[in-house]
Amino acid sequence: MVETETETAYLECTCGGERLHRLTYVHRCLLTIVCDNCGRITAMPRELVLGQYTRDFRDRLGRLPAKLRSDARERPVHFVVSLPVKAIGKVGQVIHEIKLISRT
């Protein structure tokens, strides 16, 4: 599952005054801002998003050993059986996140 999230906020827009905007994130990295009134799309600079995503990804990798240890201790059989599927799913998730970021 790709962790994309959309939230709304009232922001100043060139179409006049504060308007409702949709903000789209991938793992806490802001990708785009879209005005609901005029449809103007503001994409965050790719270098900025990639830098934020890289830091976030390193943090997630740093937490992985403790999470795997905890999962293995709590439910060892389920952990062993589900690990290959989870690993493939996570690789697919990261690839999809990078594709989303590369489109900005």
C-alpha atoms as a PDB file:
ATOM      1  CA  MET A   1       0.000   0.000   0.000  1.00  0.00           C
ATOM      2  CA  VAL A   2       1.439   3.335  -1.070  1.00  0.00           C
ATOM      3  CA  GLU A   3       1.174   5.868   1.659  1.00  0.00           C
ATOM      4  CA  THR A   4      -0.215   8.869  -0.189  1.00  0.00           C
ATOM      5  CA  GLU A   5      -2.324  11.310   1.702  1.00  0.00           C
ATOM      6  CA  THR A   6      -4.416  14.275   0.641  1.00  0.00           C
ATOM      7  CA  GLU A   7      -5.498  17.056   2.934  1.00  0.00           C
ATOM      8  CA  THR A   8      -7.234  20.351   2.335  1.00  0.00           C
ATOM      9  CA  ALA A   9      -6.311  23.845   3.452  1.00  0.00           C
ATOM     10  CA  TYR A  10      -7.343  27.402   2.708  1.00  0.00           C
ATOM     11  CA  LEU A  11      -4.412  29.119   1.002  1.00  0.00           C
ATOM     12  CA  GLU A  12      -3.943  32.348  -0.930  1.00  0.00           C
ATOM     13  CA  CYS A  13      -4.311  31.858  -4.669  1.00  0.00           C
ATOM     14  CA  THR A  14      -3.782  33.957  -7.770  1.00  0.00           C
ATOM     15  CA  CYS A  15      -7.476  33.488  -8.592  1.00  0.00           C
ATOM     16  CA  GLY A  16      -8.356  35.828  -5.745  1.00  0.00           C
ATOM     17  CA  GLY A  17      -8.168  35.488  -1.994  1.00  0.00           C
ATOM     18  CA  GLU A  18      -8.066  32.446   0.195  1.00  0.00           C
ATOM     19  CA  ARG A  19      -9.344  29.380  -1.624  1.00  0.00           C
ATOM     20  CA  LEU A  20      -9.601  25.720  -0.743  1.00  0.00           C
ATOM     21  CA  HIS A  21      -6.562  23.746  -1.940  1.00  0.00           C
ATOM     22  CA  ARG A  22      -5.756  20.012  -1.973  1.00  0.00           C
ATOM     23  CA  LEU A  23      -2.281  19.084  -0.779  1.00  0.00           C
ATOM     24  CA  THR A  24      -0.941  15.678  -1.770  1.00  0.00           C
ATOM     25  CA  TYR A  25       1.841  13.962   0.174  1.00  0.00           C
ATOM     26  CA  VAL A  26       3.872  10.783  -0.232  1.00  0.00           C
ATOM     27  CA  HIS A  27       5.252   9.719   3.156  1.00  0.00           C
ATOM     28  CA  ARG A  28       5.085  13.224   4.626  1.00  0.00           C
ATOM     29  CA  CYS A  29       6.690  14.740   1.504  1.00  0.00           C
ATOM     30  CA  LEU A  30       4.517  17.422  -0.105  1.00  0.00           C
ATOM     31  CA  LEU A  31       4.172  16.731  -3.845  1.00  0.00           C
ATOM     32  CA  THR A  32       1.468  19.026  -5.192  1.00  0.00           C
ATOM     33  CA  ILE A  33      -0.932  21.782  -4.245  1.00  0.00           C
ATOM     34  CA  VAL A  34      -4.106  22.085  -6.345  1.00  0.00           C
ATOM     35  CA  CYS A  35      -6.563  24.980  -6.112  1.00  0.00           C
ATOM     36  CA  ASP A  36     -10.149  23.697  -6.028  1.00  0.00           C
ATOM     37  CA  ASN A  37     -11.368  26.995  -7.493  1.00  0.00           C
ATOM     38  CA  CYS A  38      -9.152  27.551 -10.557  1.00  0.00           C
ATOM     39  CA  GLY A  39      -7.409  24.161 -10.820  1.00  0.00           C
ATOM     40  CA  ARG A  40      -3.920  25.658 -10.675  1.00  0.00           C
ATOM     41  CA  ILE A  41      -1.372  22.963  -9.851  1.00  0.00           C
ATOM     42  CA  THR A  42       1.784  23.836  -7.961  1.00  0.00           C
ATOM     43  CA  ALA A  43       4.326  21.017  -7.968  1.00  0.00           C
ATOM     44  CA  MET A  44       7.090  21.081  -5.424  1.00  0.00           C
ATOM     45  CA  PRO A  45      10.626  21.122  -6.871  1.00  0.00           C
ATOM     46  CA  ARG A  46      11.725  17.556  -7.570  1.00  0.00           C
ATOM     47  CA  GLU A  47      15.091  18.048  -5.845  1.00  0.00           C
ATOM     48  CA  LEU A  48      13.380  19.222  -2.654  1.00  0.00           C
ATOM     49  CA  VAL A  49      10.889  16.340  -2.629  1.00  0.00           C
ATOM     50  CA  LEU A  50      13.592  13.791  -3.431  1.00  0.00           C
ATOM     51  CA  GLY A  51      15.768  15.115  -0.595  1.00  0.00           C
ATOM     52  CA  GLN A  52      12.879  14.905   1.879  1.00  0.00           C
ATOM     53  CA  TYR A  53      11.905  11.441   0.647  1.00  0.00           C
ATOM     54  CA  THR A  54      15.507  10.214   0.900  1.00  0.00           C
ATOM     55  CA  ARG A  55      15.758  11.351   4.535  1.00  0.00           C
ATOM     56  CA  ASP A  56      12.383   9.781   5.332  1.00  0.00           C
ATOM     57  CA  PHE A  57      13.390   6.532   3.597  1.00  0.00           C
ATOM     58  CA  ARG A  58      16.649   6.349   5.584  1.00  0.00           C
ATOM     59  CA  ASP A  59      14.661   6.834   8.800  1.00  0.00           C
ATOM     60  CA  ARG A  60      12.278   4.019   7.819  1.00  0.00           C
ATOM     61  CA  LEU A  61      15.213   1.731   7.017  1.00  0.00           C
ATOM     62  CA  GLY A  62      16.792   2.577  10.371  1.00  0.00           C
ATOM     63  CA  ARG A  63      13.654   1.476  12.213  1.00  0.00           C
ATOM     64  CA  LEU A  64      13.274  -1.734  10.197  1.00  0.00           C
ATOM     65  CA  PRO A  65      15.561  -4.076  12.208  1.00  0.00           C
ATOM     66  CA  ALA A  66      13.751  -3.304  15.486  1.00  0.00           C
ATOM     67  CA  LYS A  67      10.353  -3.771  13.813  1.00  0.00           C
ATOM     68  CA  LEU A  68      11.390  -7.101  12.266  1.00  0.00           C
ATOM     69  CA  ARG A  69      12.788  -8.308  15.604  1.00  0.00           C
ATOM     70  CA  SER A  70       9.581  -7.332  17.385  1.00  0.00           C
ATOM     71  CA  ASP A  71       7.362  -8.993  14.759  1.00  0.00           C
ATOM     72  CA  ALA A  72       9.474 -12.169  14.835  1.00  0.00           C
ATOM     73  CA  ARG A  73       9.281 -12.345  18.615  1.00  0.00           C
ATOM     74  CA  GLU A  74       5.533 -11.706  18.859  1.00  0.00           C
ATOM     75  CA  ARG A  75       4.336 -14.041  16.081  1.00  0.00           C
ATOM     76  CA  PRO A  76       7.240 -16.157  14.776  1.00  0.00           C
ATOM     77  CA  VAL A  77       5.274 -18.483  12.475  1.00  0.00           C
ATOM     78  CA  HIS A  78       3.240 -15.672  10.923  1.00  0.00           C
ATOM     79  CA  PHE A  79       6.434 -13.639  10.545  1.00  0.00           C
ATOM     80  CA  VAL A  80       8.241 -16.385   8.596  1.00  0.00           C
ATOM     81  CA  VAL A  81       5.242 -17.197   6.405  1.00  0.00           C
ATOM     82  CA  SER A  82       4.372 -13.590   5.564  1.00  0.00           C
ATOM     83  CA  LEU A  83       7.907 -12.198   5.140  1.00  0.00           C
ATOM     84  CA  PRO A  84       8.314 -12.948   1.396  1.00  0.00           C
ATOM     85  CA  VAL A  85       4.958 -11.364   0.539  1.00  0.00           C
ATOM     86  CA  LYS A  86       5.665  -8.326   2.715  1.00  0.00           C
ATOM     87  CA  ALA A  87       9.125  -7.885   1.196  1.00  0.00           C
ATOM     88  CA  ILE A  88       7.786  -7.957  -2.361  1.00  0.00           C
ATOM     89  CA  GLY A  89       4.976  -5.592  -1.388  1.00  0.00           C
ATOM     90  CA  LYS A  90       7.385  -3.100   0.175  1.00  0.00           C
ATOM     91  CA  VAL A  91       9.634  -3.105  -2.887  1.00  0.00           C
ATOM     92  CA  GLY A  92       6.582  -2.422  -5.045  1.00  0.00           C
ATOM     93  CA  GLN A  93       5.513   0.363  -2.682  1.00  0.00           C
ATOM     94  CA  VAL A  94       8.904   2.091  -2.851  1.00  0.00           C
ATOM     95  CA  ILE A  95       8.990   1.825  -6.645  1.00  0.00           C
ATOM     96  CA  HIS A  96       5.515   3.358  -6.870  1.00  0.00           C
ATOM     97  CA  GLU A  97       6.469   6.177  -4.472  1.00  0.00           C
ATOM     98  CA  ILE A  98       9.534   6.991  -6.552  1.00  0.00           C
ATOM     99  CA  LYS A  99       7.411   7.027  -9.721  1.00  0.00           C
ATOM    100  CA  LEU A 100       4.983   9.471  -8.063  1.00  0.00           C
ATOM    101  CA  ILE A 101       7.858  11.710  -7.020  1.00  0.00           C
ATOM    102  CA  SER A 102       9.483  11.568 -10.474  1.00  0.00           C
ATOM    103  CA  ARG A 103       6.252  12.867 -12.061  1.00  0.00           C
ATOM    104  CA  THR A 104       6.434  16.135 -10.112  1.00  0.00           C
END
